[in-house]
Amino acid sequence: MWVLFLSGIFPFLLSFWPGLGFWRNWRALVKTTTIILLGFGIWDVGATWRGHWFFDPASVGNIYIVNVPLEEALFFIVIPFCCVFTWETVNYFWKK
């Protein structure tokens, strides 16, 4: 959970930088994140039910969504956010 927090907190805070205007396209960000979360979330649920992989209970918290730990579900929200933020930031500075 700490890795997700540290990965996401700086891009989240910097996304409010007025010059970047990152939040102008929030609908596209929500659509992108939703597609990733649903696609990989369904994949994760299926793979754990089939026994293709598992999550070590000593390494994750006690909150599960279906049979996937909260940390895994948040991964599919935080990391795409960071990727889109990085892409938009590079494009912003590239144009300048």
PDB file of N, CA and C in Angstrom:
ATOM      1  N   MET A   1       0.830  -1.188   0.000  1.00  0.00           N
ATOM      2  CA  MET A   1       0.000   0.000   0.000  1.00  0.00           C
ATOM      3  C   MET A   1       0.879   1.258   0.000  1.00  0.00           C
ATOM      4  N   TRP A   2       1.999   1.188   0.706  1.00  0.00           N
ATOM      5  CA  TRP A   2       2.904   2.346   0.737  1.00  0.00           C
ATOM      6  C   TRP A   2       3.462   2.653  -0.648  1.00  0.00           C
ATOM      7  N   VAL A   3       3.772   1.625  -1.414  1.00  0.00           N
ATOM      8  CA  VAL A   3       4.303   1.839  -2.765  1.00  0.00           C
ATOM      9  C   VAL A   3       3.267   2.565  -3.622  1.00  0.00           C
ATOM     10  N   LEU A   4       2.011   2.153  -3.526  1.00  0.00           N
ATOM     11  CA  LEU A   4       0.958   2.836  -4.280  1.00  0.00           C
ATOM     12  C   LEU A   4       0.800   4.281  -3.832  1.00  0.00           C
ATOM     13  N   PHE A   5       0.822   4.490  -2.523  1.00  0.00           N
ATOM     14  CA  PHE A   5       0.686   5.845  -1.996  1.00  0.00           C
ATOM     15  C   PHE A   5       1.821   6.735  -2.496  1.00  0.00           C
ATOM     16  N   LEU A   6       3.048   6.252  -2.359  1.00  0.00           N
ATOM     17  CA  LEU A   6       4.197   7.063  -2.771  1.00  0.00           C
ATOM     18  C   LEU A   6       4.253   7.243  -4.283  1.00  0.00           C
ATOM     19  N   SER A   7       3.773   6.254  -5.023  1.00  0.00           N
ATOM     20  CA  SER A   7       3.743   6.383  -6.485  1.00  0.00           C
ATOM     21  C   SER A   7       2.716   7.407  -6.936  1.00  0.00           C
ATOM     22  N   GLY A   8       1.600   7.469  -6.243  1.00  0.00           N
ATOM     23  CA  GLY A   8       0.506   8.317  -6.693  1.00  0.00           C
ATOM     24  C   GLY A   8       0.428   9.697  -6.094  1.00  0.00           C
ATOM     25  N   ILE A   9       1.002   9.914  -4.914  1.00  0.00           N
ATOM     26  CA  ILE A   9       0.793  11.180  -4.225  1.00  0.00           C
ATOM     27  C   ILE A   9       1.422  12.366  -4.965  1.00  0.00           C
ATOM     28  N   PHE A  10       2.623  12.204  -5.478  1.00  0.00           N
ATOM     29  CA  PHE A  10       3.281  13.332  -6.153  1.00  0.00           C
ATOM     30  C   PHE A  10       2.611  13.666  -7.486  1.00  0.00           C
ATOM     31  N   PRO A  11       2.316  12.676  -8.340  1.00  0.00           N
ATOM     32  CA  PRO A  11       1.563  13.029  -9.554  1.00  0.00           C
ATOM     33  C   PRO A  11       0.192  13.634  -9.240  1.00  0.00           C
ATOM     34  N   PHE A  12      -0.479  13.114  -8.204  1.00  0.00           N
ATOM     35  CA  PHE A  12      -1.790  13.657  -7.839  1.00  0.00           C
ATOM     36  C   PHE A  12      -1.670  15.127  -7.435  1.00  0.00           C
ATOM     37  N   LEU A  13      -0.727  15.435  -6.569  1.00  0.00           N
ATOM     38  CA  LEU A  13      -0.564  16.819  -6.123  1.00  0.00           C
ATOM     39  C   LEU A  13      -0.133  17.731  -7.270  1.00  0.00           C
ATOM     40  N   LEU A  14       0.769  17.257  -8.109  1.00  0.00           N
ATOM     41  CA  LEU A  14       1.244  18.063  -9.231  1.00  0.00           C
ATOM     42  C   LEU A  14       0.191  18.225 -10.320  1.00  0.00           C
ATOM     43  N   SER A  15      -0.807  17.343 -10.340  1.00  0.00           N
ATOM     44  CA  SER A  15      -1.834  17.441 -11.375  1.00  0.00           C
ATOM     45  C   SER A  15      -2.683  18.702 -11.226  1.00  0.00           C
ATOM     46  N   PHE A  16      -2.626  19.335 -10.069  1.00  0.00           N
ATOM     47  CA  PHE A  16      -3.369  20.569  -9.856  1.00  0.00           C
ATOM     48  C   PHE A  16      -2.568  21.813 -10.248  1.00  0.00           C
ATOM     49  N   TRP A  17      -1.379  21.627 -10.774  1.00  0.00           N
ATOM     50  CA  TRP A  17      -0.571  22.751 -11.210  1.00  0.00           C
ATOM     51  C   TRP A  17      -1.334  23.501 -12.303  1.00  0.00           C
ATOM     52  N   PRO A  18      -1.565  24.807 -12.118  1.00  0.00           N
ATOM     53  CA  PRO A  18      -2.434  25.553 -13.031  1.00  0.00           C
ATOM     54  C   PRO A  18      -2.001  25.522 -14.498  1.00  0.00           C
ATOM     55  N   GLY A  19      -0.730  25.570 -14.750  1.00  0.00           N
ATOM     56  CA  GLY A  19      -0.271  25.601 -16.139  1.00  0.00           C
ATOM     57  C   GLY A  19      -0.566  24.325 -16.902  1.00  0.00           C
ATOM     58  N   LEU A  20      -0.539  23.221 -16.220  1.00  0.00           N
ATOM     59  CA  LEU A  20      -0.732  21.923 -16.874  1.00  0.00           C
ATOM     60  C   LEU A  20      -2.189  21.701 -17.272  1.00  0.00           C
ATOM     61  N   GLY A  21      -3.117  22.070 -16.420  1.00  0.00           N
ATOM     62  CA  GLY A  21      -4.534  21.889 -16.726  1.00  0.00           C
ATOM     63  C   GLY A  21      -4.927  20.436 -16.901  1.00  0.00           C
ATOM     64  N   PHE A  22      -4.317  19.580 -16.112  1.00  0.00           N
ATOM     65  CA  PHE A  22      -4.514  18.132 -16.250  1.00  0.00           C
ATOM     66  C   PHE A  22      -5.965  17.721 -16.072  1.00  0.00           C
ATOM     67  N   TRP A  23      -6.683  18.376 -15.192  1.00  0.00           N
ATOM     68  CA  TRP A  23      -8.045  17.959 -14.862  1.00  0.00           C
ATOM     69  C   TRP A  23      -9.089  18.427 -15.868  1.00  0.00           C
ATOM     70  N   ARG A  24      -8.672  19.135 -16.898  1.00  0.00           N
ATOM     71  CA  ARG A  24      -9.641  19.546 -17.919  1.00  0.00           C
ATOM     72  C   ARG A  24     -10.247  18.348 -18.640  1.00  0.00           C
ATOM     73  N   ASN A  25      -9.481  17.275 -18.773  1.00  0.00           N
ATOM     74  CA  ASN A  25      -9.951  16.076 -19.465  1.00  0.00           C
ATOM     75  C   ASN A  25     -10.224  14.947 -18.479  1.00  0.00           C
ATOM     76  N   TRP A  26     -10.872  15.250 -17.383  1.00  0.00           N
ATOM     77  CA  TRP A  26     -11.100  14.243 -16.347  1.00  0.00           C
ATOM     78  C   TRP A  26     -11.994  13.109 -16.830  1.00  0.00           C
ATOM     79  N   ARG A  27     -12.912  13.389 -17.754  1.00  0.00           N
ATOM     80  CA  ARG A  27     -13.773  12.318 -18.269  1.00  0.00           C
ATOM     81  C   ARG A  27     -12.959  11.259 -19.005  1.00  0.00           C
ATOM     82  N   ALA A  28     -12.002  11.696 -19.798  1.00  0.00           N
ATOM     83  CA  ALA A  28     -11.144  10.743 -20.513  1.00  0.00           C
ATOM     84  C   ALA A  28     -10.311   9.928 -19.525  1.00  0.00           C
ATOM     85  N   LEU A  29      -9.849  10.562 -18.463  1.00  0.00           N
ATOM     86  CA  LEU A  29      -9.086   9.854 -17.439  1.00  0.00           C
ATOM     87  C   LEU A  29      -9.944   8.800 -16.747  1.00  0.00           C
ATOM     88  N   VAL A  30     -11.174   9.147 -16.419  1.00  0.00           N
ATOM     89  CA  VAL A  30     -12.075   8.190 -15.766  1.00  0.00           C
ATOM     90  C   VAL A  30     -12.392   7.024 -16.702  1.00  0.00           C
ATOM     91  N   LYS A  31     -12.652   7.309 -17.967  1.00  0.00           N
ATOM     92  CA  LYS A  31     -12.933   6.236 -18.930  1.00  0.00           C
ATOM     93  C   LYS A  31     -11.737   5.298 -19.077  1.00  0.00           C
ATOM     94  N   THR A  32     -10.566   5.862 -19.228  1.00  0.00           N
ATOM     95  CA  THR A  32      -9.358   5.057 -19.381  1.00  0.00           C
ATOM     96  C   THR A  32      -9.124   4.185 -18.164  1.00  0.00           C
ATOM     97  N   THR A  33      -9.210   4.767 -16.989  1.00  0.00           N
ATOM     98  CA  THR A  33      -8.975   4.021 -15.758  1.00  0.00           C
ATOM     99  C   THR A  33     -10.031   2.938 -15.556  1.00  0.00           C
ATOM    100  N   THR A  34     -11.268   3.239 -15.891  1.00  0.00           N
ATOM    101  CA  THR A  34     -12.343   2.255 -15.747  1.00  0.00           C
ATOM    102  C   THR A  34     -12.118   1.058 -16.659  1.00  0.00           C
ATOM    103  N   ILE A  35     -11.741   1.295 -17.899  1.00  0.00           N
ATOM    104  CA  ILE A  35     -11.470   0.201 -18.833  1.00  0.00           C
ATOM    105  C   ILE A  35     -10.339  -0.677 -18.313  1.00  0.00           C
ATOM    106  N   ILE A  36      -9.275  -0.061 -17.828  1.00  0.00           N
ATOM    107  CA  ILE A  36      -8.138  -0.823 -17.296  1.00  0.00           C
ATOM    108  C   ILE A  36      -8.542  -1.593 -16.055  1.00  0.00           C
ATOM    109  N   LEU A  37      -9.257  -0.939 -15.141  1.00  0.00           N
ATOM    110  CA  LEU A  37      -9.681  -1.592 -13.902  1.00  0.00           C
ATOM    111  C   LEU A  37     -10.592  -2.781 -14.188  1.00  0.00           C
ATOM    112  N   LEU A  38     -11.557  -2.605 -15.063  1.00  0.00           N
ATOM    113  CA  LEU A  38     -12.469  -3.710 -15.371  1.00  0.00           C
ATOM    114  C   LEU A  38     -11.752  -4.851 -16.101  1.00  0.00           C
ATOM    115  N   GLY A  39     -10.974  -4.505 -17.100  1.00  0.00           N
ATOM    116  CA  GLY A  39     -10.272  -5.539 -17.866  1.00  0.00           C
ATOM    117  C   GLY A  39      -9.335  -6.365 -17.017  1.00  0.00           C
ATOM    118  N   PHE A  40      -8.418  -5.710 -16.362  1.00  0.00           N
ATOM    119  CA  PHE A  40      -7.439  -6.436 -15.557  1.00  0.00           C
ATOM    120  C   PHE A  40      -8.028  -6.950 -14.251  1.00  0.00           C
ATOM    121  N   GLY A  41      -9.061  -6.276 -13.742  1.00  0.00           N
ATOM    122  CA  GLY A  41      -9.725  -6.765 -12.535  1.00  0.00           C
ATOM    123  C   GLY A  41     -10.401  -8.097 -12.784  1.00  0.00           C
ATOM    124  N   ILE A  42     -11.116  -8.208 -13.908  1.00  0.00           N
ATOM    125  CA  ILE A  42     -11.755  -9.474 -14.265  1.00  0.00           C
ATOM    126  C   ILE A  42     -10.698 -10.552 -14.481  1.00  0.00           C
ATOM    127  N   TRP A  43      -9.612 -10.181 -15.123  1.00  0.00           N
ATOM    128  CA  TRP A  43      -8.514 -11.118 -15.352  1.00  0.00           C
ATOM    129  C   TRP A  43      -7.962 -11.616 -14.010  1.00  0.00           C
ATOM    130  N   ASP A  44      -7.717 -10.711 -13.085  1.00  0.00           N
ATOM    131  CA  ASP A  44      -7.199 -11.079 -11.764  1.00  0.00           C
ATOM    132  C   ASP A  44      -8.141 -12.014 -11.016  1.00  0.00           C
ATOM    133  N   VAL A  45      -9.417 -11.663 -11.019  1.00  0.00           N
ATOM    134  CA  VAL A  45     -10.406 -12.496 -10.324  1.00  0.00           C
ATOM    135  C   VAL A  45     -10.412 -13.901 -10.917  1.00  0.00           C
ATOM    136  N   GLY A  46     -10.445 -13.986 -12.231  1.00  0.00           N
ATOM    137  CA  GLY A  46     -10.444 -15.295 -12.887  1.00  0.00           C
ATOM    138  C   GLY A  46      -9.178 -16.094 -12.621  1.00  0.00           C
ATOM    139  N   ALA A  47      -8.054 -15.428 -12.686  1.00  0.00           N
ATOM    140  CA  ALA A  47      -6.777 -16.127 -12.497  1.00  0.00           C
ATOM    141  C   ALA A  47      -6.615 -16.630 -11.065  1.00  0.00           C
ATOM    142  N   THR A  48      -7.079 -15.881 -10.093  1.00  0.00           N
ATOM    143  CA  THR A  48      -6.969 -16.349  -8.710  1.00  0.00           C
ATOM    144  C   THR A  48      -7.970 -17.462  -8.434  1.00  0.00           C
ATOM    145  N   TRP A  49      -9.165 -17.392  -9.014  1.00  0.00           N
ATOM    146  CA  TRP A  49     -10.139 -18.477  -8.836  1.00  0.00           C
ATOM    147  C   TRP A  49      -9.641 -19.779  -9.462  1.00  0.00           C
ATOM    148  N   ARG A  50      -8.949 -19.659 -10.601  1.00  0.00           N
ATOM    149  CA  ARG A  50      -8.410 -20.854 -11.252  1.00  0.00           C
ATOM    150  C   ARG A  50      -7.146 -21.362 -10.580  1.00  0.00           C
ATOM    151  N   GLY A  51      -6.565 -20.550  -9.695  1.00  0.00           N
ATOM    152  CA  GLY A  51      -5.339 -20.954  -9.013  1.00  0.00           C
ATOM    153  C   GLY A  51      -4.073 -20.679  -9.803  1.00  0.00           C
ATOM    154  N   HIS A  52      -4.161 -19.848 -10.835  1.00  0.00           N
ATOM    155  CA  HIS A  52      -2.983 -19.514 -11.629  1.00  0.00           C
ATOM    156  C   HIS A  52      -2.001 -18.661 -10.839  1.00  0.00           C
ATOM    157  N   TRP A  53      -2.509 -17.848  -9.939  1.00  0.00           N
ATOM    158  CA  TRP A  53      -1.665 -17.126  -9.000  1.00  0.00           C
ATOM    159  C   TRP A  53      -2.459 -16.782  -7.757  1.00  0.00           C
ATOM    160  N   PHE A  54      -1.714 -16.317  -6.767  1.00  0.00           N
ATOM    161  CA  PHE A  54      -2.364 -16.002  -5.494  1.00  0.00           C
ATOM    162  C   PHE A  54      -1.659 -14.809  -4.874  1.00  0.00           C
ATOM    163  N   PHE A  55      -2.251 -14.293  -3.829  1.00  0.00           N
ATOM    164  CA  PHE A  55      -1.679 -13.169  -3.100  1.00  0.00           C
ATOM    165  C   PHE A  55      -1.351 -13.654  -1.702  1.00  0.00           C
ATOM    166  N   ASP A  56      -0.112 -13.527  -1.325  1.00  0.00           N
ATOM    167  CA  ASP A  56       0.339 -13.975  -0.011  1.00  0.00           C
ATOM    168  C   ASP A  56      -0.345 -13.136   1.068  1.00  0.00           C
ATOM    169  N   PRO A  57      -1.117 -13.761   1.940  1.00  0.00           N
ATOM    170  CA  PRO A  57      -1.825 -13.002   2.985  1.00  0.00           C
ATOM    171  C   PRO A  57      -0.898 -12.195   3.888  1.00  0.00           C
ATOM    172  N   ALA A  58       0.352 -12.611   4.019  1.00  0.00           N
ATOM    173  CA  ALA A  58       1.306 -11.872   4.855  1.00  0.00           C
ATOM    174  C   ALA A  58       1.773 -10.585   4.164  1.00  0.00           C
ATOM    175  N   SER A  59       1.540 -10.475   2.858  1.00  0.00           N
ATOM    176  CA  SER A  59       2.038  -9.322   2.102  1.00  0.00           C
ATOM    177  C   SER A  59       0.959  -8.310   1.724  1.00  0.00           C
ATOM    178  N   VAL A  60      -0.293  -8.657   1.970  1.00  0.00           N
ATOM    179  CA  VAL A  60      -1.389  -7.750   1.626  1.00  0.00           C
ATOM    180  C   VAL A  60      -2.269  -7.531   2.846  1.00  0.00           C
ATOM    181  N   GLY A  61      -3.138  -6.557   2.758  1.00  0.00           N
ATOM    182  CA  GLY A  61      -4.041  -6.255   3.869  1.00  0.00           C
ATOM    183  C   GLY A  61      -5.197  -7.240   3.939  1.00  0.00           C
ATOM    184  N   ASN A  62      -6.140  -6.947   4.805  1.00  0.00           N
ATOM    185  CA  ASN A  62      -7.277  -7.844   5.034  1.00  0.00           C
ATOM    186  C   ASN A  62      -8.502  -7.505   4.207  1.00  0.00           C
ATOM    187  N   ILE A  63      -8.455  -6.432   3.417  1.00  0.00           N
ATOM    188  CA  ILE A  63      -9.621  -6.021   2.631  1.00  0.00           C
ATOM    189  C   ILE A  63      -9.507  -6.624   1.233  1.00  0.00           C
ATOM    190  N   TYR A  64     -10.538  -7.367   0.846  1.00  0.00           N
ATOM    191  CA  TYR A  64     -10.577  -8.002  -0.473  1.00  0.00           C
ATOM    192  C   TYR A  64     -11.815  -7.543  -1.221  1.00  0.00           C
ATOM    193  N   ILE A  65     -11.675  -7.401  -2.526  1.00  0.00           N
ATOM    194  CA  ILE A  65     -12.797  -7.134  -3.415  1.00  0.00           C
ATOM    195  C   ILE A  65     -12.929  -8.398  -4.257  1.00  0.00           C
ATOM    196  N   VAL A  66     -14.021  -9.104  -4.089  1.00  0.00           N
ATOM    197  CA  VAL A  66     -14.227 -10.456  -4.604  1.00  0.00           C
ATOM    198  C   VAL A  66     -13.121 -11.310  -3.999  1.00  0.00           C
ATOM    199  N   ASN A  67     -12.103 -11.692  -4.763  1.00  0.00           N
ATOM    200  CA  ASN A  67     -10.986 -12.441  -4.189  1.00  0.00           C
ATOM    201  C   ASN A  67      -9.649 -11.763  -4.483  1.00  0.00           C
ATOM    202  N   VAL A  68      -9.697 -10.461  -4.712  1.00  0.00           N
ATOM    203  CA  VAL A  68      -8.504  -9.680  -5.041  1.00  0.00           C
ATOM    204  C   VAL A  68      -8.271  -8.663  -3.917  1.00  0.00           C
ATOM    205  N   PRO A  69      -7.049  -8.582  -3.406  1.00  0.00           N
ATOM    206  CA  PRO A  69      -6.777  -7.611  -2.338  1.00  0.00           C
ATOM    207  C   PRO A  69      -6.980  -6.170  -2.804  1.00  0.00           C
ATOM    208  N   LEU A  70      -7.327  -5.318  -1.861  1.00  0.00           N
ATOM    209  CA  LEU A  70      -7.542  -3.904  -2.163  1.00  0.00           C
ATOM    210  C   LEU A  70      -6.327  -3.297  -2.853  1.00  0.00           C
ATOM    211  N   GLU A  71      -5.146  -3.673  -2.421  1.00  0.00           N
ATOM    212  CA  GLU A  71      -3.924  -3.128  -3.022  1.00  0.00           C
ATOM    213  C   GLU A  71      -3.848  -3.429  -4.516  1.00  0.00           C
ATOM    214  N   GLU A  72      -4.260  -4.617  -4.905  1.00  0.00           N
ATOM    215  CA  GLU A  72      -4.227  -4.994  -6.319  1.00  0.00           C
ATOM    216  C   GLU A  72      -5.247  -4.183  -7.112  1.00  0.00           C
ATOM    217  N   ALA A  73      -6.428  -3.992  -6.559  1.00  0.00           N
ATOM    218  CA  ALA A  73      -7.445  -3.189  -7.243  1.00  0.00           C
ATOM    219  C   ALA A  73      -6.984  -1.736  -7.377  1.00  0.00           C
ATOM    220  N   LEU A  74      -6.406  -1.188  -6.322  1.00  0.00           N
ATOM    221  CA  LEU A  74      -5.915   0.189  -6.379  1.00  0.00           C
ATOM    222  C   LEU A  74      -4.755   0.348  -7.348  1.00  0.00           C
ATOM    223  N   PHE A  75      -3.989  -0.712  -7.538  1.00  0.00           N
ATOM    224  CA  PHE A  75      -2.890  -0.684  -8.499  1.00  0.00           C
ATOM    225  C   PHE A  75      -3.409  -0.307  -9.887  1.00  0.00           C
ATOM    226  N   PHE A  76      -4.579  -0.847 -10.254  1.00  0.00           N
ATOM    227  CA  PHE A  76      -5.138  -0.590 -11.574  1.00  0.00           C
ATOM    228  C   PHE A  76      -5.784   0.786 -11.688  1.00  0.00           C
ATOM    229  N   ILE A  77      -5.799   1.534 -10.620  1.00  0.00           N
ATOM    230  CA  ILE A  77      -6.267   2.920 -10.649  1.00  0.00           C
ATOM    231  C   ILE A  77      -5.082   3.877 -10.552  1.00  0.00           C
ATOM    232  N   VAL A  78      -4.208   3.633  -9.584  1.00  0.00           N
ATOM    233  CA  VAL A  78      -3.096   4.551  -9.309  1.00  0.00           C
ATOM    234  C   VAL A  78      -2.069   4.558 -10.448  1.00  0.00           C
ATOM    235  N   ILE A  79      -1.639   3.399 -10.894  1.00  0.00           N
ATOM    236  CA  ILE A  79      -0.577   3.342 -11.901  1.00  0.00           C
ATOM    237  C   ILE A  79      -1.041   3.890 -13.252  1.00  0.00           C
ATOM    238  N   PRO A  80      -2.239   3.564 -13.744  1.00  0.00           N
ATOM    239  CA  PRO A  80      -2.689   4.238 -14.975  1.00  0.00           C
ATOM    240  C   PRO A  80      -2.789   5.755 -14.819  1.00  0.00           C
ATOM    241  N   PHE A  81      -3.239   6.215 -13.639  1.00  0.00           N
ATOM    242  CA  PHE A  81      -3.268   7.657 -13.387  1.00  0.00           C
ATOM    243  C   PHE A  81      -1.861   8.243 -13.533  1.00  0.00           C
ATOM    244  N   CYS A  82      -0.879   7.589 -12.936  1.00  0.00           N
ATOM    245  CA  CYS A  82       0.506   8.068 -13.024  1.00  0.00           C
ATOM    246  C   CYS A  82       1.000   8.076 -14.466  1.00  0.00           C
ATOM    247  N   CYS A  83       0.645   7.055 -15.228  1.00  0.00           N
ATOM    248  CA  CYS A  83       1.071   6.979 -16.632  1.00  0.00           C
ATOM    249  C   CYS A  83       0.449   8.091 -17.460  1.00  0.00           C
ATOM    250  N   VAL A  84      -0.847   8.300 -17.296  1.00  0.00           N
ATOM    251  CA  VAL A  84      -1.523   9.359 -18.052  1.00  0.00           C
ATOM    252  C   VAL A  84      -0.988  10.729 -17.633  1.00  0.00           C
ATOM    253  N   PHE A  85      -0.774  10.916 -16.343  1.00  0.00           N
ATOM    254  CA  PHE A  85      -0.214  12.173 -15.862  1.00  0.00           C
ATOM    255  C   PHE A  85       1.165  12.427 -16.485  1.00  0.00           C
ATOM    256  N   THR A  86       2.002  11.396 -16.488  1.00  0.00           N
ATOM    257  CA  THR A  86       3.346  11.535 -17.079  1.00  0.00           C
ATOM    258  C   THR A  86       3.251  11.875 -18.554  1.00  0.00           C
ATOM    259  N   TRP A  87       2.372  11.192 -19.273  1.00  0.00           N
ATOM    260  CA  TRP A  87       2.189  11.448 -20.699  1.00  0.00           C
ATOM    261  C   TRP A  87       1.755  12.897 -20.943  1.00  0.00           C
ATOM    262  N   GLU A  88       0.771  13.348 -20.209  1.00  0.00           N
ATOM    263  CA  GLU A  88       0.273  14.713 -20.385  1.00  0.00           C
ATOM    264  C   GLU A  88       1.319  15.755 -19.999  1.00  0.00           C
ATOM    265  N   THR A  89       2.101  15.465 -18.972  1.00  0.00           N
ATOM    266  CA  THR A  89       3.155  16.397 -18.554  1.00  0.00           C
ATOM    267  C   THR A  89       4.238  16.498 -19.605  1.00  0.00           C
ATOM    268  N   VAL A  90       4.647  15.360 -20.141  1.00  0.00           N
ATOM    269  CA  VAL A  90       5.669  15.368 -21.213  1.00  0.00           C
ATOM    270  C   VAL A  90       5.143  16.136 -22.408  1.00  0.00           C
ATOM    271  N   ASN A  91       3.890  15.892 -22.815  1.00  0.00           N
ATOM    272  CA  ASN A  91       3.305  16.624 -23.938  1.00  0.00           C
ATOM    273  C   ASN A  91       3.249  18.132 -23.675  1.00  0.00           C
ATOM    274  N   TYR A  92       2.911  18.499 -22.451  1.00  0.00           N
ATOM    275  CA  TYR A  92       2.828  19.914 -22.082  1.00  0.00           C
ATOM    276  C   TYR A  92       4.196  20.590 -22.234  1.00  0.00           C
ATOM    277  N   PHE A  93       5.235  19.961 -21.698  1.00  0.00           N
ATOM    278  CA  PHE A  93       6.559  20.578 -21.772  1.00  0.00           C
ATOM    279  C   PHE A  93       7.175  20.435 -23.157  1.00  0.00           C
ATOM    280  N   TRP A  94       6.804  19.431 -23.888  1.00  0.00           N
ATOM    281  CA  TRP A  94       7.329  19.242 -25.252  1.00  0.00           C
ATOM    282  C   TRP A  94       6.860  20.385 -26.153  1.00  0.00           C
ATOM    283  N   LYS A  95       5.601  20.799 -25.955  1.00  0.00           N
ATOM    284  CA  LYS A  95       5.038  21.878 -26.755  1.00  0.00           C
ATOM    285  C   LYS A  95       5.680  23.227 -26.422  1.00  0.00           C
ATOM    286  N   LYS A  96       6.147  23.366 -25.198  1.00  0.00           N
ATOM    287  CA  LYS A  96       6.770  24.625 -24.781  1.00  0.00           C
ATOM    288  C   LYS A  96       8.183  24.644 -25.288  1.00  0.00           C
TER     289      LYS A  96
END
